[in-house]
N, C-alpha and C. Protein backbone atom coordinates (compact mmCIF):
# COMPACT_ATOMS: atom_id res chain seq x y z
N MET A 1 87.65 121.11 54.87
CA MET A 1 86.89 121.55 56.03
C MET A 1 86.86 120.47 57.11
N LYS A 2 86.65 119.24 56.68
CA LYS A 2 86.61 118.12 57.63
C LYS A 2 87.95 117.98 58.35
N ARG A 3 89.03 118.07 57.62
CA ARG A 3 90.36 117.95 58.21
C ARG A 3 90.61 119.06 59.24
N PHE A 4 90.22 120.30 58.88
CA PHE A 4 90.38 121.41 59.81
C PHE A 4 89.57 121.17 61.08
N PHE A 5 88.32 120.72 60.93
CA PHE A 5 87.46 120.49 62.09
C PHE A 5 88.04 119.39 62.98
N GLU A 6 88.52 118.31 62.37
CA GLU A 6 89.12 117.23 63.15
C GLU A 6 90.39 117.68 63.86
N SER A 7 91.19 118.50 63.18
CA SER A 7 92.38 119.05 63.81
C SER A 7 92.01 119.95 65.00
N PHE A 8 90.99 120.76 64.80
CA PHE A 8 90.52 121.62 65.88
C PHE A 8 90.07 120.80 67.07
N LEU A 9 89.28 119.76 66.83
CA LEU A 9 88.83 118.89 67.91
C LEU A 9 90.00 118.22 68.61
N PHE A 10 90.96 117.75 67.83
CA PHE A 10 92.12 117.10 68.40
C PHE A 10 92.95 118.04 69.25
N MET A 11 93.12 119.27 68.79
CA MET A 11 93.90 120.26 69.56
C MET A 11 93.14 120.71 70.80
N SER A 12 91.82 120.62 70.79
CA SER A 12 91.04 121.09 71.94
C SER A 12 91.28 120.25 73.18
N ARG A 13 91.92 119.09 73.02
CA ARG A 13 92.23 118.28 74.20
C ARG A 13 93.13 119.04 75.17
N TRP A 14 93.90 119.99 74.63
CA TRP A 14 94.79 120.78 75.49
C TRP A 14 94.02 121.73 76.39
N LEU A 15 92.73 121.89 76.15
CA LEU A 15 91.91 122.70 77.06
C LEU A 15 91.77 122.02 78.42
N LEU A 16 92.15 120.76 78.51
CA LEU A 16 92.17 120.08 79.79
C LEU A 16 93.32 120.53 80.69
N ALA A 17 94.35 121.11 80.10
CA ALA A 17 95.54 121.51 80.86
C ALA A 17 95.22 122.40 82.07
N PRO A 18 94.36 123.41 81.95
CA PRO A 18 94.04 124.21 83.13
C PRO A 18 93.37 123.39 84.26
N PHE A 19 92.63 122.36 83.87
CA PHE A 19 92.04 121.50 84.89
C PHE A 19 93.11 120.76 85.68
N PHE A 20 94.18 120.33 84.99
CA PHE A 20 95.28 119.66 85.68
C PHE A 20 95.98 120.63 86.64
N VAL A 21 96.13 121.86 86.23
CA VAL A 21 96.72 122.88 87.10
C VAL A 21 95.83 123.08 88.34
N MET A 22 94.51 123.15 88.11
CA MET A 22 93.60 123.33 89.24
C MET A 22 93.64 122.14 90.18
N LEU A 23 93.75 120.92 89.63
CA LEU A 23 93.87 119.73 90.48
C LEU A 23 95.17 119.78 91.28
N ALA A 24 96.26 120.23 90.66
CA ALA A 24 97.52 120.35 91.37
C ALA A 24 97.42 121.37 92.49
N VAL A 25 96.73 122.48 92.24
CA VAL A 25 96.52 123.48 93.30
C VAL A 25 95.66 122.88 94.41
N GLY A 26 94.62 122.12 94.02
CA GLY A 26 93.80 121.45 95.01
C GLY A 26 94.60 120.47 95.86
N LEU A 27 95.58 119.81 95.23
CA LEU A 27 96.46 118.90 95.96
C LEU A 27 97.32 119.68 96.98
N LEU A 28 97.79 120.85 96.58
CA LEU A 28 98.55 121.69 97.52
C LEU A 28 97.65 122.15 98.68
N GLU A 29 96.40 122.49 98.37
CA GLU A 29 95.48 122.89 99.43
C GLU A 29 95.19 121.74 100.38
N LEU A 30 95.06 120.53 99.84
CA LEU A 30 94.85 119.36 100.68
C LEU A 30 96.06 119.11 101.57
N LEU A 31 97.25 119.29 101.01
CA LEU A 31 98.47 119.14 101.80
C LEU A 31 98.50 120.16 102.93
N TYR A 32 98.14 121.39 102.62
CA TYR A 32 98.08 122.43 103.66
C TYR A 32 97.12 122.04 104.77
N LYS A 33 95.89 121.60 104.40
CA LYS A 33 94.90 121.23 105.40
C LYS A 33 95.38 120.06 106.25
N ALA A 34 96.06 119.09 105.64
CA ALA A 34 96.61 117.96 106.38
C ALA A 34 97.67 118.43 107.36
N GLY A 35 98.52 119.36 106.93
CA GLY A 35 99.54 119.92 107.81
C GLY A 35 98.94 120.66 108.98
N VAL A 36 97.91 121.47 108.73
CA VAL A 36 97.22 122.18 109.80
C VAL A 36 96.58 121.19 110.77
N HIS A 37 95.96 120.16 110.23
CA HIS A 37 95.31 119.14 111.04
C HIS A 37 96.35 118.45 111.94
N LEU A 38 97.49 118.09 111.36
CA LEU A 38 98.54 117.43 112.13
C LEU A 38 99.11 118.37 113.19
N PHE A 39 99.31 119.63 112.84
CA PHE A 39 99.84 120.62 113.80
C PHE A 39 98.88 120.78 114.99
N GLU A 40 97.59 120.94 114.71
CA GLU A 40 96.61 121.08 115.78
C GLU A 40 96.55 119.83 116.66
N ALA A 41 96.63 118.67 116.04
CA ALA A 41 96.59 117.41 116.82
C ALA A 41 97.85 117.27 117.66
N THR A 42 98.99 117.67 117.10
CA THR A 42 100.24 117.57 117.84
C THR A 42 100.22 118.52 119.04
N ALA A 43 99.58 119.65 118.90
CA ALA A 43 99.48 120.61 120.02
C ALA A 43 98.70 120.03 121.18
N HIS A 44 97.79 119.09 120.89
CA HIS A 44 96.97 118.48 121.93
C HIS A 44 97.38 117.03 122.20
N LEU A 45 98.58 116.68 121.81
CA LEU A 45 99.07 115.30 121.93
C LEU A 45 99.06 114.80 123.37
N VAL A 46 99.47 115.61 124.28
CA VAL A 46 99.58 115.17 125.68
C VAL A 46 98.21 114.82 126.27
N THR A 47 97.19 115.58 125.90
CA THR A 47 95.86 115.35 126.46
C THR A 47 94.99 114.44 125.58
N ALA A 48 95.48 114.07 124.42
CA ALA A 48 94.68 113.26 123.49
C ALA A 48 94.56 111.82 123.97
N THR A 49 93.40 111.25 123.75
CA THR A 49 93.18 109.84 124.09
C THR A 49 93.67 108.98 122.92
N GLU A 50 93.73 107.67 123.18
CA GLU A 50 94.11 106.74 122.13
C GLU A 50 93.12 106.81 120.96
N SER A 51 91.87 106.95 121.30
CA SER A 51 90.83 107.06 120.28
C SER A 51 91.02 108.32 119.42
N ASN A 52 91.36 109.43 120.06
CA ASN A 52 91.63 110.67 119.33
C ASN A 52 92.82 110.50 118.38
N MET A 53 93.85 109.83 118.85
CA MET A 53 95.04 109.63 118.00
C MET A 53 94.71 108.71 116.83
N THR A 54 93.90 107.69 117.08
CA THR A 54 93.50 106.80 116.00
C THR A 54 92.69 107.57 114.97
N LEU A 55 91.79 108.44 115.42
CA LEU A 55 91.01 109.25 114.49
C LEU A 55 91.91 110.20 113.70
N LEU A 56 92.92 110.75 114.34
CA LEU A 56 93.88 111.62 113.65
C LEU A 56 94.57 110.85 112.53
N VAL A 57 95.06 109.67 112.86
CA VAL A 57 95.77 108.87 111.86
C VAL A 57 94.82 108.50 110.72
N LEU A 58 93.57 108.14 111.05
CA LEU A 58 92.60 107.82 110.02
C LEU A 58 92.31 109.03 109.12
N ASP A 59 92.24 110.21 109.73
CA ASP A 59 92.05 111.44 108.93
C ASP A 59 93.23 111.65 107.97
N LEU A 60 94.44 111.42 108.46
CA LEU A 60 95.61 111.58 107.60
C LEU A 60 95.64 110.53 106.48
N ILE A 61 95.23 109.31 106.80
CA ILE A 61 95.12 108.28 105.76
C ILE A 61 94.09 108.69 104.72
N ASP A 62 92.96 109.21 105.19
CA ASP A 62 91.90 109.67 104.31
C ASP A 62 92.40 110.76 103.37
N MET A 63 93.13 111.73 103.92
CA MET A 63 93.68 112.81 103.08
C MET A 63 94.73 112.29 102.13
N THR A 64 95.53 111.31 102.57
CA THR A 64 96.54 110.72 101.70
C THR A 64 95.89 110.01 100.52
N LEU A 65 94.85 109.22 100.80
CA LEU A 65 94.13 108.53 99.72
C LEU A 65 93.47 109.53 98.77
N THR A 66 92.95 110.60 99.32
CA THR A 66 92.34 111.62 98.46
C THR A 66 93.41 112.26 97.59
N GLY A 67 94.56 112.54 98.15
CA GLY A 67 95.66 113.10 97.37
C GLY A 67 96.13 112.13 96.28
N ALA A 68 96.22 110.86 96.63
CA ALA A 68 96.62 109.85 95.64
C ALA A 68 95.57 109.76 94.52
N LEU A 69 94.33 109.92 94.89
CA LEU A 69 93.24 109.92 93.91
C LEU A 69 93.40 111.07 92.92
N VAL A 70 93.73 112.25 93.46
CA VAL A 70 93.92 113.42 92.59
C VAL A 70 95.11 113.18 91.65
N VAL A 71 96.21 112.66 92.16
CA VAL A 71 97.38 112.41 91.32
C VAL A 71 97.06 111.36 90.25
N THR A 72 96.37 110.30 90.64
CA THR A 72 96.00 109.25 89.69
C THR A 72 95.14 109.82 88.58
N VAL A 73 94.18 110.64 88.93
CA VAL A 73 93.31 111.24 87.92
C VAL A 73 94.11 112.15 87.01
N MET A 74 94.94 113.02 87.59
CA MET A 74 95.73 113.95 86.76
C MET A 74 96.59 113.19 85.76
N LEU A 75 97.37 112.26 86.23
CA LEU A 75 98.31 111.57 85.35
C LEU A 75 97.61 110.67 84.34
N SER A 76 96.60 109.95 84.79
CA SER A 76 95.92 109.03 83.89
C SER A 76 95.10 109.74 82.83
N VAL A 77 94.40 110.80 83.24
CA VAL A 77 93.59 111.52 82.25
C VAL A 77 94.53 112.22 81.25
N TYR A 78 95.60 112.77 81.72
CA TYR A 78 96.58 113.38 80.80
C TYR A 78 97.08 112.33 79.81
N GLU A 79 97.48 111.18 80.34
CA GLU A 79 98.02 110.11 79.50
C GLU A 79 96.98 109.57 78.51
N ASN A 80 95.74 109.44 78.94
CA ASN A 80 94.70 108.84 78.10
C ASN A 80 94.07 109.82 77.12
N PHE A 81 93.99 111.10 77.48
CA PHE A 81 93.22 112.02 76.67
C PHE A 81 94.02 113.19 76.06
N VAL A 82 95.20 113.45 76.59
CA VAL A 82 95.93 114.61 76.11
C VAL A 82 97.17 114.20 75.34
N SER A 83 98.12 113.54 76.01
CA SER A 83 99.37 113.22 75.36
C SER A 83 100.04 112.06 76.08
N LYS A 84 100.68 111.21 75.33
CA LYS A 84 101.45 110.11 75.91
C LYS A 84 102.66 110.67 76.64
N VAL A 85 103.01 110.01 77.74
CA VAL A 85 104.18 110.39 78.50
C VAL A 85 105.25 109.36 78.23
N ASP A 86 106.44 109.81 77.88
CA ASP A 86 107.56 108.91 77.65
C ASP A 86 108.12 108.51 79.02
N THR A 87 107.59 107.42 79.56
CA THR A 87 107.98 107.01 80.91
C THR A 87 109.41 106.48 80.95
N ASP A 88 109.93 106.01 79.83
CA ASP A 88 111.30 105.50 79.82
C ASP A 88 112.31 106.61 80.08
N SER A 89 111.99 107.83 79.66
CA SER A 89 112.93 108.94 79.86
C SER A 89 112.64 109.72 81.15
N GLN A 90 111.67 109.22 81.93
CA GLN A 90 111.28 109.87 83.18
C GLN A 90 111.54 108.93 84.35
N PRO A 91 112.76 108.88 84.88
CA PRO A 91 113.02 107.98 86.01
C PRO A 91 112.15 108.35 87.21
N GLY A 92 111.64 107.33 87.86
CA GLY A 92 110.83 107.56 89.04
C GLY A 92 109.34 107.67 88.76
N TRP A 93 108.94 107.64 87.49
CA TRP A 93 107.49 107.69 87.19
C TRP A 93 106.87 106.38 87.59
N PRO A 94 105.61 106.41 88.03
CA PRO A 94 104.94 105.16 88.45
C PRO A 94 104.92 104.13 87.33
N ASP A 95 105.00 102.85 87.74
CA ASP A 95 105.00 101.75 86.77
C ASP A 95 103.76 101.71 85.90
N TRP A 96 102.62 102.12 86.49
CA TRP A 96 101.35 102.04 85.75
C TRP A 96 101.20 103.12 84.71
N MET A 97 102.09 104.12 84.73
CA MET A 97 102.00 105.19 83.72
C MET A 97 102.22 104.59 82.35
N GLY A 98 101.34 104.91 81.45
CA GLY A 98 101.45 104.42 80.09
C GLY A 98 100.74 103.11 79.85
N SER A 99 100.25 102.47 80.93
CA SER A 99 99.59 101.19 80.74
C SER A 99 98.18 101.15 81.29
N ILE A 100 97.74 102.19 81.95
CA ILE A 100 96.39 102.20 82.51
C ILE A 100 95.43 102.83 81.51
N ASP A 101 94.36 102.11 81.22
CA ASP A 101 93.35 102.67 80.32
C ASP A 101 92.23 103.29 81.14
N PHE A 102 91.27 103.87 80.43
CA PHE A 102 90.21 104.61 81.13
C PHE A 102 89.38 103.68 82.03
N SER A 103 89.15 102.47 81.58
CA SER A 103 88.39 101.51 82.38
C SER A 103 89.12 101.18 83.69
N GLU A 104 90.42 100.96 83.58
CA GLU A 104 91.22 100.69 84.79
C GLU A 104 91.25 101.91 85.72
N LEU A 105 91.30 103.09 85.12
CA LEU A 105 91.26 104.32 85.92
C LEU A 105 89.98 104.38 86.73
N LYS A 106 88.86 104.10 86.09
CA LYS A 106 87.58 104.13 86.80
C LYS A 106 87.57 103.13 87.94
N LEU A 107 88.12 101.94 87.72
CA LEU A 107 88.16 100.94 88.79
C LEU A 107 89.06 101.40 89.93
N LYS A 108 90.22 102.01 89.60
CA LYS A 108 91.10 102.55 90.65
C LYS A 108 90.39 103.65 91.44
N LEU A 109 89.67 104.50 90.74
CA LEU A 109 88.93 105.58 91.41
C LEU A 109 87.89 105.00 92.34
N LEU A 110 87.11 104.06 91.84
CA LEU A 110 86.07 103.46 92.67
C LEU A 110 86.66 102.76 93.88
N SER A 111 87.77 102.04 93.67
CA SER A 111 88.41 101.34 94.79
C SER A 111 88.92 102.31 95.84
N THR A 112 89.47 103.43 95.41
CA THR A 112 89.95 104.44 96.35
C THR A 112 88.78 105.07 97.09
N ILE A 113 87.68 105.32 96.38
CA ILE A 113 86.49 105.88 97.04
C ILE A 113 85.96 104.90 98.09
N VAL A 114 85.97 103.61 97.78
CA VAL A 114 85.54 102.60 98.76
C VAL A 114 86.45 102.64 100.00
N ALA A 115 87.77 102.77 99.78
CA ALA A 115 88.70 102.83 100.91
C ALA A 115 88.43 104.08 101.75
N ILE A 116 88.24 105.22 101.09
CA ILE A 116 87.96 106.46 101.83
C ILE A 116 86.65 106.33 102.60
N SER A 117 85.65 105.74 101.96
CA SER A 117 84.37 105.54 102.62
C SER A 117 84.51 104.61 103.82
N ALA A 118 85.32 103.57 103.69
CA ALA A 118 85.55 102.65 104.80
C ALA A 118 86.20 103.37 105.98
N ILE A 119 87.14 104.26 105.68
CA ILE A 119 87.77 105.04 106.74
C ILE A 119 86.76 105.94 107.45
N LYS A 120 85.90 106.60 106.66
CA LYS A 120 84.87 107.45 107.26
C LYS A 120 83.93 106.61 108.13
N LEU A 121 83.57 105.40 107.66
CA LEU A 121 82.71 104.52 108.44
C LEU A 121 83.40 104.09 109.74
N LEU A 122 84.67 103.77 109.65
CA LEU A 122 85.44 103.39 110.85
C LEU A 122 85.50 104.55 111.83
N GLU A 123 85.71 105.76 111.31
CA GLU A 123 85.71 106.95 112.17
C GLU A 123 84.37 107.11 112.87
N ALA A 124 83.29 106.88 112.15
CA ALA A 124 81.95 106.98 112.75
C ALA A 124 81.77 105.92 113.83
N PHE A 125 82.22 104.71 113.57
CA PHE A 125 82.08 103.64 114.55
C PHE A 125 82.93 103.92 115.80
N MET A 126 84.05 104.58 115.61
CA MET A 126 84.89 104.91 116.77
C MET A 126 84.28 106.02 117.61
N ASP A 127 83.35 106.75 117.02
CA ASP A 127 82.70 107.85 117.73
C ASP A 127 81.23 107.52 118.00
N VAL A 128 80.92 106.24 118.16
CA VAL A 128 79.54 105.79 118.36
C VAL A 128 78.84 106.52 119.49
N PRO A 129 79.49 106.78 120.63
CA PRO A 129 78.75 107.48 121.69
C PRO A 129 78.19 108.84 121.29
N HIS A 130 78.83 109.47 120.31
CA HIS A 130 78.38 110.81 119.88
C HIS A 130 77.60 110.77 118.57
N MET A 131 77.33 109.58 118.07
CA MET A 131 76.62 109.43 116.79
C MET A 131 75.20 108.92 117.07
N ASN A 132 74.25 109.36 116.28
CA ASN A 132 72.93 108.77 116.40
C ASN A 132 72.79 107.64 115.40
N ASP A 133 71.82 106.77 115.64
CA ASP A 133 71.64 105.59 114.78
C ASP A 133 71.42 105.99 113.32
N ARG A 134 70.64 107.03 113.11
CA ARG A 134 70.33 107.46 111.74
C ARG A 134 71.61 107.78 110.97
N ASP A 135 72.53 108.54 111.58
CA ASP A 135 73.79 108.88 110.91
C ASP A 135 74.64 107.64 110.64
N LEU A 136 74.69 106.72 111.61
CA LEU A 136 75.46 105.49 111.41
C LEU A 136 74.88 104.68 110.25
N TYR A 137 73.58 104.60 110.18
CA TYR A 137 72.94 103.87 109.07
C TYR A 137 73.24 104.54 107.73
N PHE A 138 73.28 105.86 107.72
CA PHE A 138 73.61 106.56 106.49
C PHE A 138 75.05 106.27 106.08
N TYR A 139 75.98 106.34 107.03
CA TYR A 139 77.39 106.00 106.73
C TYR A 139 77.49 104.60 106.17
N LEU A 140 76.82 103.66 106.81
CA LEU A 140 76.85 102.27 106.39
C LEU A 140 76.22 102.10 105.00
N GLY A 141 75.09 102.74 104.80
CA GLY A 141 74.41 102.67 103.50
C GLY A 141 75.22 103.25 102.38
N ILE A 142 75.85 104.38 102.64
CA ILE A 142 76.68 105.01 101.62
C ILE A 142 77.88 104.12 101.30
N HIS A 143 78.51 103.59 102.34
CA HIS A 143 79.65 102.72 102.12
C HIS A 143 79.25 101.48 101.33
N LEU A 144 78.16 100.84 101.70
CA LEU A 144 77.71 99.65 100.99
C LEU A 144 77.33 99.97 99.54
N THR A 145 76.79 101.15 99.31
CA THR A 145 76.49 101.59 97.95
C THR A 145 77.77 101.67 97.12
N PHE A 146 78.81 102.25 97.68
CA PHE A 146 80.11 102.34 96.99
C PHE A 146 80.68 100.94 96.72
N VAL A 147 80.59 100.07 97.72
CA VAL A 147 81.12 98.71 97.58
C VAL A 147 80.38 97.95 96.47
N VAL A 148 79.05 97.99 96.52
CA VAL A 148 78.25 97.30 95.52
C VAL A 148 78.49 97.88 94.12
N SER A 149 78.58 99.21 94.02
CA SER A 149 78.84 99.86 92.74
C SER A 149 80.19 99.43 92.16
N THR A 150 81.20 99.39 93.02
CA THR A 150 82.53 98.99 92.57
C THR A 150 82.54 97.54 92.13
N LEU A 151 81.91 96.67 92.92
CA LEU A 151 81.83 95.26 92.53
C LEU A 151 81.07 95.09 91.23
N ALA A 152 79.98 95.81 91.05
CA ALA A 152 79.19 95.72 89.82
C ALA A 152 80.01 96.19 88.63
N PHE A 153 80.74 97.28 88.79
CA PHE A 153 81.56 97.78 87.71
C PHE A 153 82.65 96.78 87.36
N ALA A 154 83.34 96.24 88.38
CA ALA A 154 84.42 95.27 88.14
C ALA A 154 83.87 94.02 87.45
N LEU A 155 82.71 93.56 87.89
CA LEU A 155 82.09 92.39 87.27
C LEU A 155 81.71 92.67 85.81
N SER A 156 81.13 93.84 85.58
CA SER A 156 80.75 94.16 84.20
C SER A 156 81.97 94.28 83.30
N GLU A 157 83.07 94.82 83.82
CA GLU A 157 84.30 94.90 83.06
C GLU A 157 84.86 93.52 82.75
N ARG A 158 84.79 92.64 83.75
CA ARG A 158 85.30 91.29 83.54
C ARG A 158 84.45 90.55 82.51
N LEU A 159 83.13 90.70 82.62
CA LEU A 159 82.24 90.03 81.66
C LEU A 159 82.41 90.59 80.25
N ALA A 160 82.72 91.87 80.15
CA ALA A 160 82.91 92.51 78.85
C ALA A 160 84.28 92.21 78.26
N GLY A 161 85.12 91.55 79.02
CA GLY A 161 86.45 91.21 78.52
C GLY A 161 87.53 92.11 79.05
N GLY A 162 87.17 93.21 79.70
CA GLY A 162 88.15 94.11 80.32
C GLY A 162 89.26 94.51 79.39
N HIS A 163 89.38 95.78 79.15
CA HIS A 163 90.44 96.29 78.27
C HIS A 163 91.68 96.59 79.06
N GLY A 164 92.83 96.25 78.49
CA GLY A 164 94.12 96.66 79.08
C GLY A 164 94.50 95.90 80.30
N THR A 165 93.88 94.75 80.59
CA THR A 165 94.21 94.02 81.81
C THR A 165 95.22 92.92 81.57
N ASN A 166 95.51 92.61 80.32
CA ASN A 166 96.46 91.53 80.04
C ASN A 166 97.69 92.08 79.37
N ASN A 167 98.84 91.75 79.94
CA ASN A 167 100.12 92.10 79.35
C ASN A 167 100.31 93.58 79.11
N GLY A 168 99.65 94.44 79.86
CA GLY A 168 99.85 95.87 79.74
C GLY A 168 99.27 96.45 78.47
N GLU A 169 98.40 95.71 77.77
CA GLU A 169 97.80 96.24 76.56
C GLU A 169 96.78 97.31 76.90
N GLN A 170 96.70 98.30 76.07
CA GLN A 170 95.71 99.36 76.26
C GLN A 170 94.54 99.11 75.34
N GLY A 171 93.35 99.26 75.89
CA GLY A 171 92.18 99.16 75.07
C GLY A 171 91.54 100.52 74.87
N HIS A 172 91.10 100.79 73.69
CA HIS A 172 90.46 102.07 73.41
C HIS A 172 89.20 101.82 72.64
């Protein structure tokens, strides 16, 4: 009975597969939104100010980082919780595939969130004439919260010895 139950639990990891499909669909939707955003901005290119163009580029960077975050989560969670990927037989797969553990994934996620938050804060600062102080303080507070959280997590990982950070070893 114990062996059957453990086998059942082990096989249930494949229930994550639909989530990966949903994330891939979400990535396609994000790509569509970025394309629409770029098309609309290009239509107004002649009348756009330098500030508007900077905001457009920042929006595209934001969407790119979000997309990279989705891909990182999909590949890392699959690799860590579902099945190992034979990266040697997959030319072009990222170098970090097969060597990133869950702790490193969380740090990558937090770092990307900090970068996205920084872009949003920069966008707010570029639109200061149309922003009220309260909103700017909220943007700044949220960003600083992400920064402090990421630093605290990185420090706690370092103090705990950090798994998988030396020589590509994986810690579990």
